[in-house]
Amino acid sequence: MSERPSPEAAAGARRLPDDLATYPIFRGIPGPGMEVLRRCLSVVQLNAGQRLFDHGDDATSAFVVLSGRLALDLPLQGGAGRFLQVARLGPGTSVGELALVEAGPRSLRAHAVETTSLLRIDVEAFTRLKALRHPAAYQLLRNVCATTCGRLRHVNSFIESELRGERGKAMASEVAREDEATRARGFLSRLFGGR
C-alpha cells in the first residue's frame, strides 16, 4: 500500500495554473480576488496508487483535480479494511470541499488512479481569509454550497424515484441485472461528478 504524502512534502513546488478562474469552485471570483486566494493554494502531485487522504482523517484541505484521476472509496461495514469504489473524479472536479465550510473527518478515502496533479486549498489559510471577510472567500463558499446543493438535489431525486417506483421498466430491468455494488458506484459517481 502506498504512503500518503505529508501536506508539507506534497505541497507543490509547481507553479499554480494561470486558468484557475475556469474551474467551477472559483467561478465568479474576479482577478484581484483570485490573487488573494492564491495565498491559500498549492499544487500536490500524486503517483498512481498514492493516497490523498483516508476515511476518518481530519479534513485540513480541499482539493481540485488539475490532471489525472482520483478514486473515492467508501469503507464497507464490517469489512475489515474492505472498500467500495464509489466515484472517479477527473480534471475540474473538487473533492473534500466541505472542509472549507465545517471541520470534520473525511467520509471517504481518496487515492490517485494515475499520476494526478491537484490544487490544494489550505483550510487554515482560507479560514484566516474568511475572518478578514474577504469577498473572494465568500464567493468560493457560495460555489461550494452550489455544488453541494446540486449533489443533494440529485440524491433527493434518486431517493424519491426509488421510493415511488418511478424508474421506468427499461431502467428497472437494467438495474435488476446489476449487483448492488455496481448500482451504488454508478449513482455515487454521478453524484460526485465523476466520469
N, C-alpha and C. Protein backbone atom coordinates (compact mmCIF):
# COMPACT_ATOMS: atom_id res chain seq x y z
N MET A 1 0.84 -1.18 0.00
CA MET A 1 0.00 0.00 0.00
C MET A 1 0.88 1.24 0.00
N SER A 2 0.51 2.24 -0.75
CA SER A 2 1.31 3.46 -0.87
C SER A 2 1.11 4.35 0.34
N GLU A 3 2.12 5.13 0.64
CA GLU A 3 2.03 6.11 1.71
C GLU A 3 1.42 7.38 1.19
N ARG A 4 0.67 8.06 2.06
CA ARG A 4 0.13 9.36 1.71
C ARG A 4 1.24 10.39 1.84
N PRO A 5 1.22 11.41 0.98
CA PRO A 5 2.23 12.46 1.13
C PRO A 5 1.86 13.35 2.32
N SER A 6 2.84 13.81 3.06
CA SER A 6 2.54 14.79 4.10
C SER A 6 2.18 16.09 3.39
N PRO A 7 1.33 16.92 4.01
CA PRO A 7 0.98 18.17 3.34
C PRO A 7 2.22 19.01 3.00
N GLU A 8 3.20 19.01 3.91
CA GLU A 8 4.40 19.81 3.67
C GLU A 8 5.21 19.24 2.51
N ALA A 9 5.36 17.91 2.48
CA ALA A 9 6.18 17.29 1.43
C ALA A 9 5.48 17.34 0.08
N ALA A 10 4.15 17.20 0.11
CA ALA A 10 3.43 17.10 -1.15
C ALA A 10 3.07 18.46 -1.74
N ALA A 11 2.95 19.46 -0.90
CA ALA A 11 2.54 20.77 -1.39
C ALA A 11 3.60 21.29 -2.33
N GLY A 12 3.11 21.85 -3.38
CA GLY A 12 3.91 21.95 -4.54
C GLY A 12 4.90 23.02 -4.76
N ALA A 13 5.95 22.54 -5.29
CA ALA A 13 6.95 23.43 -5.84
C ALA A 13 6.46 23.89 -7.20
N ARG A 14 5.48 23.16 -7.76
CA ARG A 14 4.97 23.52 -9.08
C ARG A 14 4.21 24.83 -9.03
N ARG A 15 4.30 25.56 -10.08
CA ARG A 15 3.61 26.83 -10.23
C ARG A 15 2.10 26.61 -10.33
N LEU A 16 1.34 27.51 -9.75
CA LEU A 16 -0.12 27.43 -9.84
C LEU A 16 -0.56 27.72 -11.27
N PRO A 17 -1.60 27.03 -11.74
CA PRO A 17 -2.10 27.28 -13.10
C PRO A 17 -2.61 28.71 -13.24
N ASP A 18 -2.50 29.23 -14.45
CA ASP A 18 -2.99 30.59 -14.73
C ASP A 18 -4.50 30.64 -14.93
N ASP A 19 -5.11 29.49 -15.24
CA ASP A 19 -6.53 29.46 -15.60
C ASP A 19 -7.44 29.06 -14.44
N LEU A 20 -7.07 29.38 -13.21
CA LEU A 20 -7.86 28.96 -12.05
C LEU A 20 -9.31 29.42 -12.13
N ALA A 21 -9.55 30.59 -12.67
CA ALA A 21 -10.92 31.12 -12.73
C ALA A 21 -11.84 30.26 -13.59
N THR A 22 -11.30 29.36 -14.39
CA THR A 22 -12.13 28.50 -15.24
C THR A 22 -12.67 27.28 -14.48
N TYR A 23 -12.15 27.02 -13.29
CA TYR A 23 -12.61 25.87 -12.51
C TYR A 23 -13.89 26.26 -11.76
N PRO A 24 -14.89 25.36 -11.72
CA PRO A 24 -16.18 25.69 -11.10
C PRO A 24 -16.08 26.24 -9.68
N ILE A 25 -15.16 25.75 -8.88
CA ILE A 25 -15.07 26.21 -7.49
C ILE A 25 -14.66 27.68 -7.39
N PHE A 26 -14.02 28.20 -8.46
CA PHE A 26 -13.57 29.60 -8.46
C PHE A 26 -14.44 30.50 -9.34
N ARG A 27 -15.56 29.98 -9.82
CA ARG A 27 -16.45 30.73 -10.71
C ARG A 27 -16.87 32.06 -10.06
N GLY A 28 -16.81 33.13 -10.84
CA GLY A 28 -17.30 34.43 -10.38
C GLY A 28 -16.34 35.21 -9.50
N ILE A 29 -15.14 34.70 -9.30
CA ILE A 29 -14.17 35.42 -8.47
C ILE A 29 -13.30 36.26 -9.40
N PRO A 30 -13.33 37.59 -9.24
CA PRO A 30 -12.55 38.44 -10.14
C PRO A 30 -11.05 38.31 -9.91
N GLY A 31 -10.27 38.80 -10.86
CA GLY A 31 -8.81 38.70 -10.82
C GLY A 31 -8.17 39.08 -9.50
N PRO A 32 -8.49 40.25 -8.92
CA PRO A 32 -7.88 40.61 -7.64
C PRO A 32 -8.22 39.62 -6.52
N GLY A 33 -9.44 39.11 -6.54
CA GLY A 33 -9.84 38.10 -5.55
C GLY A 33 -9.07 36.81 -5.73
N MET A 34 -8.85 36.43 -6.99
CA MET A 34 -8.06 35.21 -7.27
C MET A 34 -6.63 35.38 -6.78
N GLU A 35 -6.08 36.57 -6.92
CA GLU A 35 -4.71 36.80 -6.44
C GLU A 35 -4.63 36.60 -4.93
N VAL A 36 -5.65 37.05 -4.21
CA VAL A 36 -5.68 36.86 -2.75
C VAL A 36 -5.84 35.37 -2.42
N LEU A 37 -6.72 34.69 -3.14
CA LEU A 37 -6.94 33.26 -2.88
C LEU A 37 -5.70 32.42 -3.16
N ARG A 38 -4.87 32.85 -4.08
CA ARG A 38 -3.66 32.10 -4.42
C ARG A 38 -2.78 31.87 -3.19
N ARG A 39 -2.89 32.72 -2.18
CA ARG A 39 -2.11 32.54 -0.96
C ARG A 39 -2.54 31.30 -0.18
N CYS A 40 -3.73 30.79 -0.47
CA CYS A 40 -4.25 29.60 0.21
C CYS A 40 -3.97 28.33 -0.59
N LEU A 41 -3.36 28.46 -1.76
CA LEU A 41 -3.27 27.36 -2.71
C LEU A 41 -1.86 26.84 -2.88
N SER A 42 -1.78 25.55 -3.17
CA SER A 42 -0.52 24.92 -3.57
C SER A 42 -0.87 23.75 -4.48
N VAL A 43 0.11 23.22 -5.16
CA VAL A 43 -0.10 22.08 -6.05
C VAL A 43 0.47 20.83 -5.39
N VAL A 44 -0.28 19.75 -5.48
CA VAL A 44 0.11 18.45 -4.93
C VAL A 44 0.20 17.46 -6.08
N GLN A 45 1.24 16.67 -6.10
CA GLN A 45 1.41 15.62 -7.12
C GLN A 45 1.28 14.26 -6.44
N LEU A 46 0.51 13.37 -7.04
CA LEU A 46 0.39 12.00 -6.55
C LEU A 46 0.75 11.04 -7.67
N ASN A 47 1.41 9.96 -7.31
CA ASN A 47 1.66 8.87 -8.25
C ASN A 47 0.47 7.92 -8.21
N ALA A 48 0.32 7.11 -9.23
CA ALA A 48 -0.76 6.12 -9.26
C ALA A 48 -0.71 5.28 -7.99
N GLY A 49 -1.86 5.11 -7.35
CA GLY A 49 -1.97 4.31 -6.14
C GLY A 49 -1.70 5.07 -4.85
N GLN A 50 -1.16 6.25 -4.94
CA GLN A 50 -0.83 7.02 -3.74
C GLN A 50 -2.09 7.64 -3.16
N ARG A 51 -2.24 7.56 -1.84
CA ARG A 51 -3.42 8.09 -1.17
C ARG A 51 -3.32 9.58 -0.95
N LEU A 52 -4.44 10.24 -1.15
CA LEU A 52 -4.55 11.66 -0.84
C LEU A 52 -5.00 11.83 0.61
N PHE A 53 -6.04 11.06 1.00
CA PHE A 53 -6.48 11.04 2.40
C PHE A 53 -7.23 9.75 2.65
N ASP A 54 -7.37 9.43 3.94
CA ASP A 54 -8.07 8.22 4.37
C ASP A 54 -9.41 8.58 5.00
N HIS A 55 -10.31 7.62 4.98
CA HIS A 55 -11.57 7.74 5.70
C HIS A 55 -11.24 8.00 7.17
N GLY A 56 -11.88 9.01 7.76
CA GLY A 56 -11.66 9.32 9.17
C GLY A 56 -10.57 10.35 9.44
N ASP A 57 -9.73 10.66 8.45
CA ASP A 57 -8.71 11.70 8.63
C ASP A 57 -9.38 13.05 8.91
N ASP A 58 -8.69 13.90 9.66
CA ASP A 58 -9.17 15.27 9.81
C ASP A 58 -9.05 15.98 8.47
N ALA A 59 -10.07 16.72 8.12
CA ALA A 59 -10.08 17.43 6.84
C ALA A 59 -9.39 18.77 7.02
N THR A 60 -8.17 18.88 6.52
CA THR A 60 -7.38 20.10 6.65
C THR A 60 -7.22 20.83 5.32
N SER A 61 -7.74 20.25 4.26
CA SER A 61 -7.60 20.83 2.92
C SER A 61 -8.78 20.40 2.06
N ALA A 62 -9.04 21.21 1.06
CA ALA A 62 -9.93 20.82 -0.03
C ALA A 62 -9.04 20.72 -1.26
N PHE A 63 -9.51 20.03 -2.30
CA PHE A 63 -8.69 19.80 -3.48
C PHE A 63 -9.51 19.99 -4.75
N VAL A 64 -8.81 20.34 -5.82
CA VAL A 64 -9.38 20.39 -7.17
C VAL A 64 -8.46 19.58 -8.06
N VAL A 65 -9.03 18.64 -8.81
CA VAL A 65 -8.22 17.82 -9.72
C VAL A 65 -7.82 18.70 -10.91
N LEU A 66 -6.51 18.83 -11.12
CA LEU A 66 -5.99 19.58 -12.27
C LEU A 66 -5.78 18.66 -13.46
N SER A 67 -5.20 17.49 -13.20
CA SER A 67 -4.99 16.49 -14.24
C SER A 67 -4.94 15.12 -13.58
N GLY A 68 -5.20 14.08 -14.36
CA GLY A 68 -5.22 12.73 -13.81
C GLY A 68 -6.59 12.37 -13.28
N ARG A 69 -6.63 11.33 -12.44
CA ARG A 69 -7.89 10.83 -11.89
C ARG A 69 -7.71 10.41 -10.45
N LEU A 70 -8.74 10.70 -9.64
CA LEU A 70 -8.81 10.24 -8.26
C LEU A 70 -9.93 9.23 -8.15
N ALA A 71 -9.76 8.24 -7.29
CA ALA A 71 -10.84 7.31 -6.95
C ALA A 71 -11.27 7.61 -5.52
N LEU A 72 -12.58 7.58 -5.29
CA LEU A 72 -13.13 7.75 -3.95
C LEU A 72 -13.69 6.41 -3.50
N ASP A 73 -13.29 5.99 -2.31
CA ASP A 73 -13.67 4.68 -1.78
C ASP A 73 -14.44 4.85 -0.48
N LEU A 74 -15.51 4.08 -0.34
CA LEU A 74 -16.34 4.07 0.85
C LEU A 74 -16.02 2.81 1.65
N PRO A 75 -15.73 2.94 2.96
CA PRO A 75 -15.46 1.73 3.74
C PRO A 75 -16.74 0.91 3.89
N LEU A 76 -16.61 -0.41 3.78
CA LEU A 76 -17.76 -1.30 3.93
C LEU A 76 -17.91 -1.67 5.40
N GLN A 77 -19.15 -1.69 5.87
CA GLN A 77 -19.41 -2.06 7.26
C GLN A 77 -18.91 -3.47 7.53
N GLY A 78 -18.21 -3.62 8.63
CA GLY A 78 -17.69 -4.94 9.00
C GLY A 78 -16.74 -5.49 7.97
N GLY A 79 -16.22 -4.62 7.12
CA GLY A 79 -15.39 -5.07 6.01
C GLY A 79 -13.94 -5.29 6.33
N ALA A 80 -13.51 -4.98 7.54
CA ALA A 80 -12.12 -5.17 7.95
C ALA A 80 -11.16 -4.70 6.86
N GLY A 81 -11.26 -3.42 6.54
CA GLY A 81 -10.36 -2.87 5.53
C GLY A 81 -10.86 -2.98 4.11
N ARG A 82 -12.10 -3.42 3.92
CA ARG A 82 -12.67 -3.52 2.57
C ARG A 82 -13.35 -2.21 2.22
N PHE A 83 -13.19 -1.81 0.96
CA PHE A 83 -13.76 -0.56 0.47
C PHE A 83 -14.50 -0.80 -0.83
N LEU A 84 -15.47 0.06 -1.10
CA LEU A 84 -16.20 0.07 -2.35
C LEU A 84 -15.87 1.37 -3.08
N GLN A 85 -15.34 1.27 -4.30
CA GLN A 85 -15.06 2.48 -5.07
C GLN A 85 -16.39 3.06 -5.52
N VAL A 86 -16.64 4.32 -5.13
CA VAL A 86 -17.93 4.94 -5.43
C VAL A 86 -17.85 6.00 -6.52
N ALA A 87 -16.66 6.48 -6.82
CA ALA A 87 -16.55 7.51 -7.87
C ALA A 87 -15.11 7.63 -8.34
N ARG A 88 -14.99 8.11 -9.57
CA ARG A 88 -13.70 8.52 -10.13
C ARG A 88 -13.87 9.96 -10.57
N LEU A 89 -12.95 10.78 -10.15
CA LEU A 89 -13.03 12.21 -10.43
C LEU A 89 -11.92 12.64 -11.35
N GLY A 90 -12.27 13.47 -12.32
CA GLY A 90 -11.29 13.96 -13.28
C GLY A 90 -11.07 15.46 -13.16
N PRO A 91 -10.36 16.02 -14.11
CA PRO A 91 -9.99 17.43 -14.07
C PRO A 91 -11.19 18.37 -13.88
N GLY A 92 -10.99 19.35 -13.00
CA GLY A 92 -12.01 20.35 -12.71
C GLY A 92 -12.90 20.02 -11.54
N THR A 93 -12.88 18.76 -11.10
CA THR A 93 -13.76 18.33 -10.02
C THR A 93 -13.12 18.63 -8.67
N SER A 94 -13.94 19.14 -7.75
CA SER A 94 -13.44 19.39 -6.40
C SER A 94 -13.77 18.20 -5.51
N VAL A 95 -12.94 18.01 -4.49
CA VAL A 95 -13.14 16.93 -3.53
C VAL A 95 -12.72 17.44 -2.15
N GLY A 96 -13.48 17.08 -1.15
CA GLY A 96 -13.17 17.49 0.21
C GLY A 96 -13.48 18.94 0.50
N GLU A 97 -14.30 19.55 -0.34
CA GLU A 97 -14.57 20.98 -0.21
C GLU A 97 -15.41 21.34 1.00
N LEU A 98 -16.11 20.38 1.60
CA LEU A 98 -16.87 20.69 2.80
C LEU A 98 -15.97 21.10 3.95
N ALA A 99 -14.69 20.74 3.88
CA ALA A 99 -13.72 21.17 4.89
C ALA A 99 -13.63 22.69 4.95
N LEU A 100 -13.96 23.36 3.86
CA LEU A 100 -13.93 24.82 3.84
C LEU A 100 -15.13 25.43 4.57
N VAL A 101 -16.17 24.61 4.77
CA VAL A 101 -17.38 25.07 5.43
C VAL A 101 -17.38 24.69 6.90
N GLU A 102 -17.00 23.44 7.18
CA GLU A 102 -17.07 22.92 8.55
C GLU A 102 -16.00 21.85 8.75
N ALA A 103 -15.35 21.91 9.90
CA ALA A 103 -14.34 20.90 10.23
C ALA A 103 -15.02 19.56 10.49
N GLY A 104 -14.32 18.50 10.18
CA GLY A 104 -14.85 17.17 10.43
C GLY A 104 -13.97 16.12 9.79
N PRO A 105 -14.25 14.86 10.08
CA PRO A 105 -13.44 13.79 9.50
C PRO A 105 -13.84 13.50 8.05
N ARG A 106 -12.92 12.94 7.30
CA ARG A 106 -13.18 12.54 5.92
C ARG A 106 -14.16 11.37 5.92
N SER A 107 -15.13 11.41 5.03
CA SER A 107 -16.13 10.33 4.95
C SER A 107 -15.72 9.25 3.95
N LEU A 108 -14.74 9.54 3.12
CA LEU A 108 -14.27 8.60 2.10
C LEU A 108 -12.75 8.55 2.11
N ARG A 109 -12.22 7.58 1.41
CA ARG A 109 -10.78 7.50 1.15
C ARG A 109 -10.58 7.94 -0.29
N ALA A 110 -9.50 8.69 -0.56
CA ALA A 110 -9.20 9.14 -1.92
C ALA A 110 -7.78 8.74 -2.28
N HIS A 111 -7.62 8.19 -3.49
CA HIS A 111 -6.28 7.84 -3.98
C HIS A 111 -6.21 8.08 -5.49
N ALA A 112 -5.00 8.25 -5.96
CA ALA A 112 -4.78 8.51 -7.39
C ALA A 112 -4.89 7.21 -8.18
N VAL A 113 -5.63 7.25 -9.26
CA VAL A 113 -5.75 6.11 -10.17
C VAL A 113 -4.57 6.11 -11.14
N GLU A 114 -4.09 7.29 -11.45
CA GLU A 114 -2.96 7.50 -12.35
C GLU A 114 -2.21 8.71 -11.80
N THR A 115 -1.11 9.07 -12.41
CA THR A 115 -0.40 10.26 -11.97
C THR A 115 -1.38 11.43 -11.98
N THR A 116 -1.49 12.11 -10.85
CA THR A 116 -2.53 13.12 -10.68
C THR A 116 -1.94 14.38 -10.07
N SER A 117 -2.36 15.50 -10.61
CA SER A 117 -1.97 16.81 -10.09
C SER A 117 -3.22 17.46 -9.51
N LEU A 118 -3.09 17.96 -8.29
CA LEU A 118 -4.23 18.56 -7.59
C LEU A 118 -3.88 19.94 -7.07
N LEU A 119 -4.88 20.76 -6.99
CA LEU A 119 -4.75 22.05 -6.35
C LEU A 119 -5.23 21.87 -4.92
N ARG A 120 -4.41 22.21 -3.96
CA ARG A 120 -4.75 22.08 -2.55
C ARG A 120 -5.16 23.45 -2.01
N ILE A 121 -6.33 23.49 -1.35
CA ILE A 121 -6.80 24.71 -0.70
C ILE A 121 -6.64 24.48 0.80
N ASP A 122 -5.72 25.19 1.42
CA ASP A 122 -5.43 25.02 2.84
C ASP A 122 -6.55 25.63 3.69
N VAL A 123 -7.15 24.82 4.56
CA VAL A 123 -8.28 25.27 5.37
C VAL A 123 -7.87 26.38 6.33
N GLU A 124 -6.72 26.26 6.98
CA GLU A 124 -6.29 27.30 7.93
C GLU A 124 -6.13 28.65 7.24
N ALA A 125 -5.44 28.66 6.11
CA ALA A 125 -5.24 29.91 5.38
C ALA A 125 -6.58 30.47 4.89
N PHE A 126 -7.46 29.58 4.44
CA PHE A 126 -8.77 30.01 3.96
C PHE A 126 -9.60 30.58 5.12
N THR A 127 -9.51 29.96 6.29
CA THR A 127 -10.24 30.44 7.46
C THR A 127 -9.78 31.85 7.85
N ARG A 128 -8.49 32.11 7.74
CA ARG A 128 -7.98 33.47 8.02
C ARG A 128 -8.56 34.47 7.01
N LEU A 129 -8.66 34.05 5.75
CA LEU A 129 -9.23 34.91 4.72
C LEU A 129 -10.71 35.19 5.01
N LYS A 130 -11.44 34.18 5.47
CA LYS A 130 -12.85 34.37 5.85
C LYS A 130 -12.96 35.34 7.02
N ALA A 131 -12.05 35.21 7.99
CA ALA A 131 -12.08 36.09 9.16
C ALA A 131 -11.90 37.56 8.77
N LEU A 132 -11.18 37.78 7.68
CA LEU A 132 -11.00 39.14 7.16
C LEU A 132 -12.20 39.60 6.34
N ARG A 133 -13.17 38.72 6.19
CA ARG A 133 -14.39 38.98 5.41
C ARG A 133 -14.09 39.37 3.97
N HIS A 134 -13.11 38.68 3.41
CA HIS A 134 -12.74 38.97 2.02
C HIS A 134 -13.82 38.43 1.07
N PRO A 135 -14.29 39.23 0.12
CA PRO A 135 -15.34 38.79 -0.80
C PRO A 135 -14.99 37.52 -1.57
N ALA A 136 -13.72 37.32 -1.91
CA ALA A 136 -13.34 36.11 -2.66
C ALA A 136 -13.60 34.85 -1.85
N ALA A 137 -13.38 34.92 -0.54
CA ALA A 137 -13.64 33.76 0.32
C ALA A 137 -15.13 33.41 0.30
N TYR A 138 -15.95 34.43 0.33
CA TYR A 138 -17.39 34.17 0.35
C TYR A 138 -17.93 33.74 -1.00
N GLN A 139 -17.34 34.20 -2.08
CA GLN A 139 -17.74 33.70 -3.40
C GLN A 139 -17.37 32.23 -3.54
N LEU A 140 -16.18 31.86 -3.05
CA LEU A 140 -15.77 30.46 -3.10
C LEU A 140 -16.73 29.61 -2.27
N LEU A 141 -17.12 30.09 -1.09
CA LEU A 141 -18.09 29.35 -0.27
C LEU A 141 -19.43 29.22 -0.98
N ARG A 142 -19.87 30.27 -1.66
CA ARG A 142 -21.12 30.17 -2.44
C ARG A 142 -21.01 29.09 -3.50
N ASN A 143 -19.86 29.01 -4.15
CA ASN A 143 -19.64 27.98 -5.17
C ASN A 143 -19.66 26.59 -4.56
N VAL A 144 -19.03 26.43 -3.40
CA VAL A 144 -19.04 25.14 -2.70
C VAL A 144 -20.48 24.77 -2.35
N CYS A 145 -21.23 25.73 -1.84
CA CYS A 145 -22.63 25.47 -1.47
C CYS A 145 -23.47 25.12 -2.69
N ALA A 146 -23.24 25.79 -3.81
CA ALA A 146 -23.99 25.48 -5.03
C ALA A 146 -23.70 24.06 -5.49
N THR A 147 -22.43 23.65 -5.44
CA THR A 147 -22.07 22.28 -5.82
C THR A 147 -22.72 21.28 -4.87
N THR A 148 -22.64 21.56 -3.58
CA THR A 148 -23.21 20.66 -2.58
C THR A 148 -24.73 20.57 -2.73
N CYS A 149 -25.38 21.70 -2.98
CA CYS A 149 -26.84 21.70 -3.19
C CYS A 149 -27.21 20.88 -4.43
N GLY A 150 -26.45 21.02 -5.49
CA GLY A 150 -26.70 20.24 -6.70
C GLY A 150 -26.58 18.75 -6.43
N ARG A 151 -25.57 18.37 -5.67
CA ARG A 151 -25.39 16.95 -5.32
C ARG A 151 -26.54 16.47 -4.44
N LEU A 152 -26.96 17.29 -3.49
CA LEU A 152 -28.06 16.92 -2.61
C LEU A 152 -29.37 16.79 -3.38
N ARG A 153 -29.62 17.71 -4.33
CA ARG A 153 -30.82 17.59 -5.17
C ARG A 153 -30.82 16.27 -5.94
N HIS A 154 -29.65 15.91 -6.45
CA HIS A 154 -29.52 14.65 -7.18
C HIS A 154 -29.85 13.46 -6.27
N VAL A 155 -29.34 13.48 -5.05
CA VAL A 155 -29.63 12.41 -4.08
C VAL A 155 -31.13 12.38 -3.78
N ASN A 156 -31.72 13.54 -3.51
CA ASN A 156 -33.15 13.60 -3.21
C ASN A 156 -33.99 13.05 -4.36
N SER A 157 -33.64 13.42 -5.57
CA SER A 157 -34.36 12.95 -6.75
C SER A 157 -34.25 11.43 -6.88
N PHE A 158 -33.05 10.93 -6.66
CA PHE A 158 -32.83 9.48 -6.74
C PHE A 158 -33.66 8.75 -5.69
N ILE A 159 -33.65 9.24 -4.46
CA ILE A 159 -34.40 8.60 -3.37
C ILE A 159 -35.89 8.66 -3.66
N GLU A 160 -36.37 9.82 -4.11
CA GLU A 160 -37.78 9.96 -4.43
C GLU A 160 -38.20 8.97 -5.52
N SER A 161 -37.41 8.87 -6.57
CA SER A 161 -37.71 7.93 -7.65
C SER A 161 -37.73 6.49 -7.14
N GLU A 162 -36.78 6.17 -6.28
CA GLU A 162 -36.72 4.82 -5.72
C GLU A 162 -37.96 4.53 -4.88
N LEU A 163 -38.35 5.47 -4.03
CA LEU A 163 -39.49 5.26 -3.14
C LEU A 163 -40.81 5.19 -3.89
N ARG A 164 -40.93 5.93 -4.97
CA ARG A 164 -42.17 5.92 -5.75
C ARG A 164 -42.20 4.84 -6.81
N GLY A 165 -41.08 4.19 -7.02
CA GLY A 165 -41.03 3.15 -8.04
C GLY A 165 -41.16 3.71 -9.44
N GLU A 166 -40.68 4.93 -9.66
CA GLU A 166 -40.82 5.62 -10.94
C GLU A 166 -39.59 5.48 -11.82
N ARG A 167 -38.97 4.39 -11.79
CA ARG A 167 -37.71 4.24 -12.51
C ARG A 167 -37.91 3.91 -13.99
N GLY A 168 -39.07 3.47 -14.37
CA GLY A 168 -39.29 3.09 -15.76
C GLY A 168 -38.91 1.63 -15.97
N LYS A 169 -39.68 0.94 -16.81
CA LYS A 169 -39.45 -0.50 -17.00
C LYS A 169 -38.08 -0.82 -17.57
N ALA A 170 -37.63 -0.06 -18.54
CA ALA A 170 -36.31 -0.34 -19.13
C ALA A 170 -35.22 -0.17 -18.09
N MET A 171 -35.32 0.91 -17.32
CA MET A 171 -34.32 1.16 -16.29
C MET A 171 -34.40 0.08 -15.21
N ALA A 172 -35.62 -0.30 -14.83
CA ALA A 172 -35.79 -1.31 -13.79
C ALA A 172 -35.20 -2.64 -14.20
N SER A 173 -35.38 -3.04 -15.46
CA SER A 173 -34.82 -4.32 -15.88
C SER A 173 -33.31 -4.26 -15.95
N GLU A 174 -32.77 -3.10 -16.35
CA GLU A 174 -31.31 -2.95 -16.38
C GLU A 174 -30.74 -2.98 -14.96
N VAL A 175 -31.39 -2.26 -14.05
CA VAL A 175 -30.93 -2.21 -12.66
C VAL A 175 -31.05 -3.58 -12.01
N ALA A 176 -32.09 -4.32 -12.35
CA ALA A 176 -32.28 -5.65 -11.77
C ALA A 176 -31.11 -6.56 -12.10
N ARG A 177 -30.46 -6.36 -13.24
CA ARG A 177 -29.32 -7.20 -13.62
C ARG A 177 -28.03 -6.77 -12.93
N GLU A 178 -28.00 -5.54 -12.43
CA GLU A 178 -26.79 -5.04 -11.78
C GLU A 178 -26.74 -5.51 -10.33
N ASP A 179 -25.53 -5.75 -9.85
CA ASP A 179 -25.41 -6.04 -8.42
C ASP A 179 -25.40 -4.72 -7.66
N GLU A 180 -25.60 -4.77 -6.35
CA GLU A 180 -25.72 -3.56 -5.54
C GLU A 180 -24.46 -2.69 -5.60
N ALA A 181 -23.30 -3.28 -5.63
CA ALA A 181 -22.06 -2.50 -5.66
C ALA A 181 -21.98 -1.67 -6.94
N THR A 182 -22.31 -2.27 -8.06
CA THR A 182 -22.25 -1.55 -9.34
C THR A 182 -23.27 -0.43 -9.36
N ARG A 183 -24.44 -0.70 -8.85
CA ARG A 183 -25.51 0.29 -8.81
C ARG A 183 -25.11 1.48 -7.93
N ALA A 184 -24.60 1.18 -6.76
CA ALA A 184 -24.17 2.25 -5.85
C ALA A 184 -23.01 3.04 -6.45
N ARG A 185 -22.07 2.35 -7.08
CA ARG A 185 -20.92 3.02 -7.68
C ARG A 185 -21.37 4.00 -8.76
N GLY A 186 -22.30 3.57 -9.61
CA GLY A 186 -22.78 4.44 -10.68
C GLY A 186 -23.50 5.66 -10.13
N PHE A 187 -24.35 5.44 -9.14
CA PHE A 187 -25.08 6.55 -8.54
C PHE A 187 -24.12 7.55 -7.90
N LEU A 188 -23.20 7.06 -7.09
CA LEU A 188 -22.29 7.96 -6.39
C LEU A 188 -21.32 8.64 -7.34
N SER A 189 -20.95 7.96 -8.40
CA SER A 189 -20.07 8.58 -9.39
C SER A 189 -20.79 9.76 -10.06
N ARG A 190 -22.07 9.56 -10.39
CA ARG A 190 -22.84 10.67 -10.97
C ARG A 190 -23.00 11.79 -9.94
N LEU A 191 -23.21 11.43 -8.69
CA LEU A 191 -23.38 12.41 -7.62
C LEU A 191 -22.15 13.29 -7.48
N PHE A 192 -20.97 12.69 -7.53
CA PHE A 192 -19.73 13.44 -7.34
C PHE A 192 -19.20 14.03 -8.64
N GLY A 193 -19.93 13.89 -9.72
CA GLY A 193 -19.50 14.48 -10.99
C GLY A 193 -18.39 13.71 -11.65
N GLY A 194 -18.23 12.44 -11.26
CA GLY A 194 -17.18 11.61 -11.85
C GLY A 194 -17.49 11.27 -13.28
N ARG A 195 -16.46 10.84 -13.97
CA ARG A 195 -16.62 10.48 -15.38
C ARG A 195 -16.42 9.01 -15.55
